[in-house]
Amino acid sequence: MLAVLLAVPSLGLAQTHQLPDLTYDPQTPLALEQSPVKDFGFARLLDISYASPRGGRVTAYAVIPSGAAHPPGIVWQHWGQGDRSSLVPEALAMARRGAASILINSPANRLNTPAAKTPQEGLALWLQDAVDIRRAVDALVQRYAVPAARLAYVGHSYGATLGGLVAVGERRFRALVLMGGYASISDTVRHPKDGSPGNPQLADVYSALDAERYLGQAAPAALLLQFARYERYVTEEQANRYAQAASVPKLVRWYDCGHEFNDAESAADRENWLAEQLALAKK
């Protein structure tokens, strides 16, 4: 494993880009509903949903530690092939150390979400998810008594590709773990890794999502950037661009694993780094 800790001015992109519209009315009721799934003793797993500012309802799990009056909070966004259950084991591990979590389904994984028929509709689903992540922060603070100063985000693949938008669009996150994200999803659409013909029209629209446009503005939030050596999606060139673009403080680590990041080492690093950033109890 290679670890690089950077605490000097970023050498990333000097040019900044305007963030797409991620605003919403914070006074709108969350309309949060919850029902119990399982009581583990140290924490409760809840099936929750809340109103999305962009339409419909966000389906999610919440993991709430027992006996913590004001726990720190984490919002988790799964990879493209996953759903809200994908990172529940890690959320439970964080609950043992005192953190509350919300793990949301992406819009594509929710009932009654219309399939995107145009590039613009596809982009709108990504932006809706970024707004729904912001709303998950509201849910942690308003419903589960999480202090606004003790919040973190974990995004895997799809969730890490959203990382630039999330880091700059939601300033309440003090720490972000970003695993296997694309620096430029538009480049991958324009020049697919498998050599198949690209889609320039879709690429032009999706360039608004490119994480490397925004990651240089993530500070003062701390970043843990994790990359896999045996990737089937994200190229080494994309990974290096992602890391280069990010602001400091950042910790960049590579692992002998695949895109799933289901190895013990990367999981332990995520848990321990989050615990340090959120001032959680030591094991």
C-alpha atoms as a PDB file:
ATOM      1  CA  MET A   1       0.000   0.000   0.000  1.00  0.00           C
ATOM      2  CA  LEU A   2       1.239   3.482  -0.864  1.00  0.00           C
ATOM      3  CA  ALA A   3       0.225   6.320   1.446  1.00  0.00           C
ATOM      4  CA  VAL A   4       0.792   9.982   0.669  1.00  0.00           C
ATOM      5  CA  LEU A   5      -0.216  12.686   3.142  1.00  0.00           C
ATOM      6  CA  LEU A   6      -0.333  16.154   1.666  1.00  0.00           C
ATOM      7  CA  ALA A   7      -0.590  19.345   3.696  1.00  0.00           C
ATOM      8  CA  VAL A   8       0.758  21.845   1.203  1.00  0.00           C
ATOM      9  CA  PRO A   9      -1.072  24.008  -1.345  1.00  0.00           C
ATOM     10  CA  SER A  10      -2.885  21.896  -3.954  1.00  0.00           C
ATOM     11  CA  LEU A  11      -1.222  21.379  -7.311  1.00  0.00           C
ATOM     12  CA  GLY A  12      -4.624  20.625  -8.819  1.00  0.00           C
ATOM     13  CA  LEU A  13      -6.538  22.612 -11.387  1.00  0.00           C
ATOM     14  CA  ALA A  14      -6.114  26.328 -10.964  1.00  0.00           C
ATOM     15  CA  GLN A  15      -9.270  27.034 -12.932  1.00  0.00           C
ATOM     16  CA  THR A  16     -12.505  26.922 -10.962  1.00  0.00           C
ATOM     17  CA  HIS A  17     -15.940  26.116 -12.342  1.00  0.00           C
ATOM     18  CA  GLN A  18     -19.376  27.218 -11.329  1.00  0.00           C
ATOM     19  CA  LEU A  19     -21.241  24.589  -9.388  1.00  0.00           C
ATOM     20  CA  PRO A  20     -24.554  23.391 -10.858  1.00  0.00           C
ATOM     21  CA  ASP A  21     -27.648  24.422  -8.931  1.00  0.00           C
ATOM     22  CA  LEU A  22     -27.857  22.275  -5.772  1.00  0.00           C
ATOM     23  CA  THR A  23     -30.070  24.636  -3.820  1.00  0.00           C
ATOM     24  CA  TYR A  24     -33.313  23.759  -2.055  1.00  0.00           C
ATOM     25  CA  ASP A  25     -35.570  25.295   0.573  1.00  0.00           C
ATOM     26  CA  PRO A  26     -34.272  24.050   3.962  1.00  0.00           C
ATOM     27  CA  GLN A  27     -37.544  25.116   5.594  1.00  0.00           C
ATOM     28  CA  THR A  28     -39.523  22.533   3.625  1.00  0.00           C
ATOM     29  CA  PRO A  29     -40.592  19.700   5.954  1.00  0.00           C
ATOM     30  CA  LEU A  30     -38.491  16.555   5.720  1.00  0.00           C
ATOM     31  CA  ALA A  31     -41.604  14.398   6.086  1.00  0.00           C
ATOM     32  CA  LEU A  32     -39.309  11.684   7.424  1.00  0.00           C
ATOM     33  CA  GLU A  33     -40.833   8.293   8.100  1.00  0.00           C
ATOM     34  CA  GLN A  34     -39.074   5.432   9.833  1.00  0.00           C
ATOM     35  CA  SER A  35     -39.723   1.875  10.898  1.00  0.00           C
ATOM     36  CA  PRO A  36     -37.484  -0.560  12.801  1.00  0.00           C
ATOM     37  CA  VAL A  37     -35.571  -3.265  10.957  1.00  0.00           C
ATOM     38  CA  LYS A  38     -33.326  -4.711  13.666  1.00  0.00           C
ATOM     39  CA  ASP A  39     -32.048  -3.792  17.114  1.00  0.00           C
ATOM     40  CA  PHE A  40     -28.427  -4.864  17.486  1.00  0.00           C
ATOM     41  CA  GLY A  41     -28.190  -3.639  21.074  1.00  0.00           C
ATOM     42  CA  PHE A  42     -25.381  -1.216  20.338  1.00  0.00           C
ATOM     43  CA  ALA A  43     -27.400   0.342  17.490  1.00  0.00           C
ATOM     44  CA  ARG A  44     -30.745   0.319  15.695  1.00  0.00           C
ATOM     45  CA  LEU A  45     -31.139  -0.277  11.969  1.00  0.00           C
ATOM     46  CA  LEU A  46     -34.087   1.726  10.629  1.00  0.00           C
ATOM     47  CA  ASP A  47     -35.873   1.753   7.275  1.00  0.00           C
ATOM     48  CA  ILE A  48     -36.412   5.452   6.546  1.00  0.00           C
ATOM     49  CA  SER A  49     -37.632   7.724   3.779  1.00  0.00           C
ATOM     50  CA  TYR A  50     -37.906  11.477   3.390  1.00  0.00           C
ATOM     51  CA  ALA A  51     -39.142  13.938   0.793  1.00  0.00           C
ATOM     52  CA  SER A  52     -36.720  14.817  -1.990  1.00  0.00           C
ATOM     53  CA  PRO A  53     -36.641  18.526  -2.903  1.00  0.00           C
ATOM     54  CA  ARG A  54     -36.451  17.404  -6.542  1.00  0.00           C
ATOM     55  CA  GLY A  55     -39.502  15.118  -6.366  1.00  0.00           C
ATOM     56  CA  GLY A  56     -40.504  11.772  -4.903  1.00  0.00           C
ATOM     57  CA  ARG A  57     -39.143  10.210  -1.742  1.00  0.00           C
ATOM     58  CA  VAL A  58     -35.595   9.224  -0.828  1.00  0.00           C
ATOM     59  CA  THR A  59     -35.399   5.646   0.457  1.00  0.00           C
ATOM     60  CA  ALA A  60     -32.609   4.929   2.899  1.00  0.00           C
ATOM     61  CA  TYR A  61     -31.378   3.083   5.948  1.00  0.00           C
ATOM     62  CA  ALA A  62     -30.427   4.820   9.170  1.00  0.00           C
ATOM     63  CA  VAL A  63     -28.056   3.296  11.710  1.00  0.00           C
ATOM     64  CA  ILE A  64     -28.429   5.006  15.081  1.00  0.00           C
ATOM     65  CA  PRO A  65     -26.094   4.136  17.980  1.00  0.00           C
ATOM     66  CA  SER A  66     -27.655   3.411  21.342  1.00  0.00           C
ATOM     67  CA  GLY A  67     -27.036   5.676  24.303  1.00  0.00           C
ATOM     68  CA  ALA A  68     -25.473   8.560  22.368  1.00  0.00           C
ATOM     69  CA  ALA A  69     -27.311  11.846  22.898  1.00  0.00           C
ATOM     70  CA  HIS A  70     -25.478  13.759  20.141  1.00  0.00           C
ATOM     71  CA  PRO A  71     -23.572  11.340  17.918  1.00  0.00           C
ATOM     72  CA  PRO A  72     -21.499  12.470  14.955  1.00  0.00           C
ATOM     73  CA  GLY A  73     -23.077  11.636  11.606  1.00  0.00           C
ATOM     74  CA  ILE A  74     -22.095  10.080   8.286  1.00  0.00           C
ATOM     75  CA  VAL A  75     -23.932  10.070   4.959  1.00  0.00           C
ATOM     76  CA  TRP A  76     -23.077   7.099   2.717  1.00  0.00           C
ATOM     77  CA  GLN A  77     -23.605   6.847  -1.063  1.00  0.00           C
ATOM     78  CA  HIS A  78     -23.229   3.436  -2.687  1.00  0.00           C
ATOM     79  CA  TRP A  79     -21.560   2.498  -5.973  1.00  0.00           C
ATOM     80  CA  GLY A  80     -23.490   2.265  -9.224  1.00  0.00           C
ATOM     81  CA  GLN A  81     -24.055  -1.493  -8.941  1.00  0.00           C
ATOM     82  CA  GLY A  82     -25.142  -1.247  -5.303  1.00  0.00           C
ATOM     83  CA  ASP A  83     -27.906   0.166  -3.162  1.00  0.00           C
ATOM     84  CA  ARG A  84     -28.504   1.439   0.375  1.00  0.00           C
ATOM     85  CA  SER A  85     -27.516  -1.950   1.835  1.00  0.00           C
ATOM     86  CA  SER A  86     -24.032  -1.984   0.285  1.00  0.00           C
ATOM     87  CA  LEU A  87     -22.263  -0.126   3.101  1.00  0.00           C
ATOM     88  CA  VAL A  88     -24.442  -1.151   6.049  1.00  0.00           C
ATOM     89  CA  PRO A  89     -21.673  -3.346   7.570  1.00  0.00           C
ATOM     90  CA  GLU A  90     -19.346  -0.344   7.668  1.00  0.00           C
ATOM     91  CA  ALA A  91     -22.076   1.878   9.104  1.00  0.00           C
ATOM     92  CA  LEU A  92     -22.611  -0.694  11.848  1.00  0.00           C
ATOM     93  CA  ALA A  93     -18.872  -0.706  12.578  1.00  0.00           C
ATOM     94  CA  MET A  94     -18.985   3.076  12.901  1.00  0.00           C
ATOM     95  CA  ALA A  95     -22.043   2.824  15.172  1.00  0.00           C
ATOM     96  CA  ARG A  96     -20.003   0.650  17.556  1.00  0.00           C
ATOM     97  CA  ARG A  97     -17.718   3.669  17.861  1.00  0.00           C
ATOM     98  CA  GLY A  98     -20.607   6.081  18.357  1.00  0.00           C
ATOM     99  CA  ALA A  99     -21.483   7.449  14.891  1.00  0.00           C
ATOM    100  CA  ALA A 100     -24.961   7.700  13.356  1.00  0.00           C
ATOM    101  CA  SER A 101     -25.419   7.043   9.635  1.00  0.00           C
ATOM    102  CA  ILE A 102     -27.849   7.502   6.777  1.00  0.00           C
ATOM    103  CA  LEU A 103     -27.303   5.364   3.680  1.00  0.00           C
ATOM    104  CA  ILE A 104     -29.430   6.521   0.757  1.00  0.00           C
ATOM    105  CA  ASN A 105     -30.569   4.844  -2.428  1.00  0.00           C
ATOM    106  CA  SER A 106     -29.646   6.740  -5.583  1.00  0.00           C
ATOM    107  CA  PRO A 107     -32.647   8.009  -7.581  1.00  0.00           C
ATOM    108  CA  ALA A 108     -32.252   5.130 -10.050  1.00  0.00           C
ATOM    109  CA  ASN A 109     -32.771   2.655  -7.173  1.00  0.00           C
ATOM    110  CA  ARG A 110     -36.063   4.135  -6.032  1.00  0.00           C
ATOM    111  CA  LEU A 111     -39.546   3.065  -6.977  1.00  0.00           C
ATOM    112  CA  ASN A 112     -41.366   5.136  -9.599  1.00  0.00           C
ATOM    113  CA  THR A 113     -38.265   7.022 -10.783  1.00  0.00           C
ATOM    114  CA  PRO A 114     -38.688   7.545 -14.543  1.00  0.00           C
ATOM    115  CA  ALA A 115     -35.778   6.351 -16.659  1.00  0.00           C
ATOM    116  CA  ALA A 116     -33.747   9.167 -18.186  1.00  0.00           C
ATOM    117  CA  LYS A 117     -34.551   9.584 -21.877  1.00  0.00           C
ATOM    118  CA  THR A 118     -32.157  12.444 -22.636  1.00  0.00           C
ATOM    119  CA  PRO A 119     -28.688  13.473 -21.433  1.00  0.00           C
ATOM    120  CA  GLN A 120     -30.267  16.391 -19.585  1.00  0.00           C
ATOM    121  CA  GLU A 121     -32.642  14.048 -17.732  1.00  0.00           C
ATOM    122  CA  GLY A 122     -29.687  11.831 -16.824  1.00  0.00           C
ATOM    123  CA  LEU A 123     -27.792  14.822 -15.451  1.00  0.00           C
ATOM    124  CA  ALA A 124     -30.867  15.863 -13.471  1.00  0.00           C
ATOM    125  CA  LEU A 125     -30.849  12.504 -11.648  1.00  0.00           C
ATOM    126  CA  TRP A 126     -27.218  12.977 -10.595  1.00  0.00           C
ATOM    127  CA  LEU A 127     -27.956  16.490  -9.357  1.00  0.00           C
ATOM    128  CA  GLN A 128     -31.041  15.273  -7.539  1.00  0.00           C
ATOM    129  CA  ASP A 129     -28.871  12.777  -5.688  1.00  0.00           C
ATOM    130  CA  ALA A 130     -26.448  15.530  -4.634  1.00  0.00           C
ATOM    131  CA  VAL A 131     -29.386  17.507  -3.251  1.00  0.00           C
ATOM    132  CA  ASP A 132     -30.781  14.403  -1.533  1.00  0.00           C
ATOM    133  CA  ILE A 133     -27.390  13.886   0.124  1.00  0.00           C
ATOM    134  CA  ARG A 134     -27.640  17.442   1.451  1.00  0.00           C
ATOM    135  CA  ARG A 135     -31.109  16.638   2.742  1.00  0.00           C
ATOM    136  CA  ALA A 136     -29.726  13.543   4.495  1.00  0.00           C
ATOM    137  CA  VAL A 137     -27.517  15.936   6.460  1.00  0.00           C
ATOM    138  CA  ASP A 138     -30.662  17.794   7.515  1.00  0.00           C
ATOM    139  CA  ALA A 139     -32.200  14.504   8.638  1.00  0.00           C
ATOM    140  CA  LEU A 140     -29.161  13.620  10.755  1.00  0.00           C
ATOM    141  CA  VAL A 141     -29.141  17.044  12.396  1.00  0.00           C
ATOM    142  CA  GLN A 142     -32.890  17.532  12.850  1.00  0.00           C
ATOM    143  CA  ARG A 143     -34.089  14.017  13.624  1.00  0.00           C
ATOM    144  CA  TYR A 144     -31.084  12.247  15.113  1.00  0.00           C
ATOM    145  CA  ALA A 145     -29.456  15.115  17.063  1.00  0.00           C
ATOM    146  CA  VAL A 146     -26.173  15.077  15.164  1.00  0.00           C
ATOM    147  CA  PRO A 147     -24.069  18.220  15.719  1.00  0.00           C
ATOM    148  CA  ALA A 148     -23.647  20.162  12.480  1.00  0.00           C
ATOM    149  CA  ALA A 149     -19.909  20.422  13.182  1.00  0.00           C
ATOM    150  CA  ARG A 150     -19.399  16.614  13.248  1.00  0.00           C
ATOM    151  CA  LEU A 151     -20.463  15.370   9.819  1.00  0.00           C
ATOM    152  CA  ALA A 152     -18.751  13.215   7.203  1.00  0.00           C
ATOM    153  CA  TYR A 153     -19.508  11.722   3.806  1.00  0.00           C
ATOM    154  CA  VAL A 154     -18.484   8.383   2.292  1.00  0.00           C
ATOM    155  CA  GLY A 155     -18.915   7.847  -1.443  1.00  0.00           C
ATOM    156  CA  HIS A 156     -17.968   4.719  -3.399  1.00  0.00           C
ATOM    157  CA  SER A 157     -17.482   4.874  -7.193  1.00  0.00           C
ATOM    158  CA  TYR A 158     -20.721   6.590  -8.286  1.00  0.00           C
ATOM    159  CA  GLY A 159     -20.775   8.196  -4.839  1.00  0.00           C
ATOM    160  CA  ALA A 160     -17.147   9.301  -5.221  1.00  0.00           C
ATOM    161  CA  THR A 161     -17.736  10.588  -8.748  1.00  0.00           C
ATOM    162  CA  LEU A 162     -20.316  12.847  -7.080  1.00  0.00           C
ATOM    163  CA  GLY A 163     -17.634  13.791  -4.558  1.00  0.00           C
ATOM    164  CA  GLY A 164     -16.668  17.115  -6.108  1.00  0.00           C
ATOM    165  CA  LEU A 165     -20.253  18.342  -6.170  1.00  0.00           C
ATOM    166  CA  VAL A 166     -20.878  17.079  -2.629  1.00  0.00           C
ATOM    167  CA  ALA A 167     -17.689  18.531  -1.142  1.00  0.00           C
ATOM    168  CA  VAL A 168     -18.349  22.012  -2.515  1.00  0.00           C
ATOM    169  CA  GLY A 169     -22.137  21.920  -2.515  1.00  0.00           C
ATOM    170  CA  GLU A 170     -22.497  20.788   1.109  1.00  0.00           C
ATOM    171  CA  ARG A 171     -20.078  22.663   3.336  1.00  0.00           C
ATOM    172  CA  ARG A 172     -21.278  21.006   6.534  1.00  0.00           C
ATOM    173  CA  PHE A 173     -19.157  17.939   5.759  1.00  0.00           C
ATOM    174  CA  ARG A 174     -15.864  18.302   7.581  1.00  0.00           C
ATOM    175  CA  ALA A 175     -14.451  15.059   6.172  1.00  0.00           C
ATOM    176  CA  LEU A 176     -15.069  13.003   3.018  1.00  0.00           C
ATOM    177  CA  VAL A 177     -13.969   9.481   2.092  1.00  0.00           C
ATOM    178  CA  LEU A 178     -14.000   9.068  -1.694  1.00  0.00           C
ATOM    179  CA  MET A 179     -13.366   5.557  -3.047  1.00  0.00           C
ATOM    180  CA  GLY A 180     -12.649   4.818  -6.698  1.00  0.00           C
ATOM    181  CA  GLY A 181     -14.234   7.879  -8.276  1.00  0.00           C
ATOM    182  CA  TYR A 182     -13.856   9.252 -11.795  1.00  0.00           C
ATOM    183  CA  ALA A 183     -11.996  12.526 -12.087  1.00  0.00           C
ATOM    184  CA  SER A 184     -13.905  13.218 -15.298  1.00  0.00           C
ATOM    185  CA  ILE A 185     -16.961  11.136 -16.060  1.00  0.00           C
ATOM    186  CA  SER A 186     -17.337  13.125 -19.266  1.00  0.00           C
ATOM    187  CA  ASP A 187     -13.960  11.822 -20.496  1.00  0.00           C
ATOM    188  CA  THR A 188     -15.011   8.235 -19.788  1.00  0.00           C
ATOM    189  CA  VAL A 189     -18.208   8.778 -21.759  1.00  0.00           C
ATOM    190  CA  ARG A 190     -16.345  10.405 -24.624  1.00  0.00           C
ATOM    191  CA  HIS A 191     -13.519   7.798 -24.633  1.00  0.00           C
ATOM    192  CA  PRO A 192     -14.769   4.519 -23.041  1.00  0.00           C
ATOM    193  CA  LYS A 193     -12.116   2.292 -21.485  1.00  0.00           C
ATOM    194  CA  ASP A 194     -13.153  -0.656 -23.655  1.00  0.00           C
ATOM    195  CA  GLY A 195     -12.513   1.284 -26.863  1.00  0.00           C
ATOM    196  CA  SER A 196     -16.151   1.381 -27.927  1.00  0.00           C
ATOM    197  CA  PRO A 197     -17.512   4.533 -29.635  1.00  0.00           C
ATOM    198  CA  GLY A 198     -18.074   7.396 -27.254  1.00  0.00           C
ATOM    199  CA  ASN A 199     -21.063   9.668 -26.870  1.00  0.00           C
ATOM    200  CA  PRO A 200     -19.926  13.281 -27.333  1.00  0.00           C
ATOM    201  CA  GLN A 201     -23.380  14.742 -26.697  1.00  0.00           C
ATOM    202  CA  LEU A 202     -23.766  12.931 -23.372  1.00  0.00           C
ATOM    203  CA  ALA A 203     -20.168  13.805 -22.475  1.00  0.00           C
ATOM    204  CA  ASP A 204     -20.771  17.505 -22.996  1.00  0.00           C
ATOM    205  CA  VAL A 205     -23.791  17.451 -20.681  1.00  0.00           C
ATOM    206  CA  TYR A 206     -22.120  15.276 -18.046  1.00  0.00           C
ATOM    207  CA  SER A 207     -19.047  17.516 -17.892  1.00  0.00           C
ATOM    208  CA  ALA A 208     -20.989  19.487 -15.261  1.00  0.00           C
ATOM    209  CA  LEU A 209     -20.411  16.495 -12.945  1.00  0.00           C
ATOM    210  CA  ASP A 210     -16.644  16.188 -13.395  1.00  0.00           C
ATOM    211  CA  ALA A 211     -15.162  15.897  -9.913  1.00  0.00           C
ATOM    212  CA  GLU A 212     -11.835  17.418 -10.932  1.00  0.00           C
ATOM    213  CA  ARG A 213     -13.616  20.705 -11.645  1.00  0.00           C
ATOM    214  CA  TYR A 214     -14.572  21.127  -7.982  1.00  0.00           C
ATOM    215  CA  LEU A 215     -12.290  19.055  -5.732  1.00  0.00           C
ATOM    216  CA  GLY A 216      -9.733  21.843  -5.582  1.00  0.00           C
ATOM    217  CA  GLN A 217     -12.321  23.859  -3.639  1.00  0.00           C
ATOM    218  CA  ALA A 218     -13.113  21.159  -1.040  1.00  0.00           C
ATOM    219  CA  ALA A 219     -10.961  22.725   1.718  1.00  0.00           C
ATOM    220  CA  PRO A 220     -11.189  23.130   4.628  1.00  0.00           C
ATOM    221  CA  ALA A 221     -12.825  19.682   4.561  1.00  0.00           C
ATOM    222  CA  ALA A 222     -10.338  16.809   4.907  1.00  0.00           C
ATOM    223  CA  LEU A 223     -10.253  14.150   2.166  1.00  0.00           C
ATOM    224  CA  LEU A 224      -9.355  10.451   2.218  1.00  0.00           C
ATOM    225  CA  LEU A 225      -8.967   9.320  -1.397  1.00  0.00           C
ATOM    226  CA  GLN A 226      -8.833   5.561  -1.941  1.00  0.00           C
ATOM    227  CA  PHE A 227      -7.900   3.831  -5.198  1.00  0.00           C
ATOM    228  CA  ALA A 228      -7.703   0.181  -6.283  1.00  0.00           C
ATOM    229  CA  ARG A 229      -4.733  -1.280  -8.150  1.00  0.00           C
ATOM    230  CA  TYR A 230      -6.850  -3.919  -9.924  1.00  0.00           C
ATOM    231  CA  GLU A 231      -9.582  -1.695 -11.318  1.00  0.00           C
ATOM    232  CA  ARG A 232     -12.067  -2.721 -14.011  1.00  0.00           C
ATOM    233  CA  TYR A 233     -13.536   0.776 -14.382  1.00  0.00           C
ATOM    234  CA  VAL A 234     -11.362   3.684 -13.246  1.00  0.00           C
ATOM    235  CA  THR A 235      -8.042   3.951 -15.064  1.00  0.00           C
ATOM    236  CA  GLU A 236      -4.836   4.843 -13.241  1.00  0.00           C
ATOM    237  CA  GLU A 237      -4.746   8.071 -15.247  1.00  0.00           C
ATOM    238  CA  GLN A 238      -8.228   9.008 -14.005  1.00  0.00           C
ATOM    239  CA  ALA A 239      -7.304   8.114 -10.429  1.00  0.00           C
ATOM    240  CA  ASN A 240      -4.162  10.247 -10.532  1.00  0.00           C
ATOM    241  CA  ARG A 241      -6.110  13.174 -11.975  1.00  0.00           C
ATOM    242  CA  TYR A 242      -8.670  12.816  -9.188  1.00  0.00           C
ATOM    243  CA  ALA A 243      -5.985  12.900  -6.502  1.00  0.00           C
ATOM    244  CA  GLN A 244      -4.084  15.739  -8.171  1.00  0.00           C
ATOM    245  CA  ALA A 245      -7.180  17.926  -8.430  1.00  0.00           C
ATOM    246  CA  ALA A 246      -8.137  17.611  -4.762  1.00  0.00           C
ATOM    247  CA  SER A 247      -7.420  20.325  -2.221  1.00  0.00           C
ATOM    248  CA  VAL A 248      -5.553  19.744   1.009  1.00  0.00           C
ATOM    249  CA  PRO A 249      -5.639  18.361   3.614  1.00  0.00           C
ATOM    250  CA  LYS A 250      -5.854  15.053   1.766  1.00  0.00           C
ATOM    251  CA  LEU A 251      -4.640  11.512   2.284  1.00  0.00           C
ATOM    252  CA  VAL A 252      -4.181   9.422  -0.884  1.00  0.00           C
ATOM    253  CA  ARG A 253      -3.963   5.636  -0.602  1.00  0.00           C
ATOM    254  CA  TRP A 254      -3.783   2.731  -3.039  1.00  0.00           C
ATOM    255  CA  TYR A 255      -4.821  -0.852  -2.248  1.00  0.00           C
ATOM    256  CA  ASP A 256      -4.255  -4.308  -3.662  1.00  0.00           C
ATOM    257  CA  CYS A 257      -7.943  -4.840  -4.356  1.00  0.00           C
ATOM    258  CA  GLY A 258     -10.577  -4.438  -7.057  1.00  0.00           C
ATOM    259  CA  HIS A 259     -13.177  -1.764  -7.612  1.00  0.00           C
ATOM    260  CA  GLU A 260     -15.411  -3.219  -4.888  1.00  0.00           C
ATOM    261  CA  PHE A 261     -12.951  -2.174  -2.118  1.00  0.00           C
ATOM    262  CA  ASN A 262     -14.055  -5.203  -0.088  1.00  0.00           C
ATOM    263  CA  ASP A 263     -10.587  -5.797   1.343  1.00  0.00           C
ATOM    264  CA  ALA A 264      -9.907  -5.541   5.065  1.00  0.00           C
ATOM    265  CA  GLU A 265      -7.155  -2.925   4.743  1.00  0.00           C
ATOM    266  CA  SER A 266      -9.145  -0.234   2.930  1.00  0.00           C
ATOM    267  CA  ALA A 267     -12.144  -0.795   5.220  1.00  0.00           C
ATOM    268  CA  ALA A 268      -9.963  -0.455   8.323  1.00  0.00           C
ATOM    269  CA  ASP A 269      -8.414   2.722   6.947  1.00  0.00           C
ATOM    270  CA  ARG A 270     -11.861   4.209   6.296  1.00  0.00           C
ATOM    271  CA  GLU A 271     -13.067   3.368   9.786  1.00  0.00           C
ATOM    272  CA  ASN A 272      -9.989   4.644  11.595  1.00  0.00           C
ATOM    273  CA  TRP A 273      -9.701   7.821   9.508  1.00  0.00           C
ATOM    274  CA  LEU A 274     -13.372   8.661  10.048  1.00  0.00           C
ATOM    275  CA  ALA A 275     -13.021   7.983  13.765  1.00  0.00           C
ATOM    276  CA  GLU A 276     -10.097  10.381  13.929  1.00  0.00           C
ATOM    277  CA  GLN A 277     -11.851  13.098  11.930  1.00  0.00           C
ATOM    278  CA  LEU A 278     -15.049  12.832  13.978  1.00  0.00           C
ATOM    279  CA  ALA A 279     -13.239  12.461  17.323  1.00  0.00           C
ATOM    280  CA  LEU A 280     -14.801   9.061  18.038  1.00  0.00           C
ATOM    281  CA  ALA A 281     -13.815   6.657  20.762  1.00  0.00           C
ATOM    282  CA  LYS A 282     -10.808   4.455  20.087  1.00  0.00           C
ATOM    283  CA  LYS A 283     -11.298   0.724  19.744  1.00  0.00           C
END
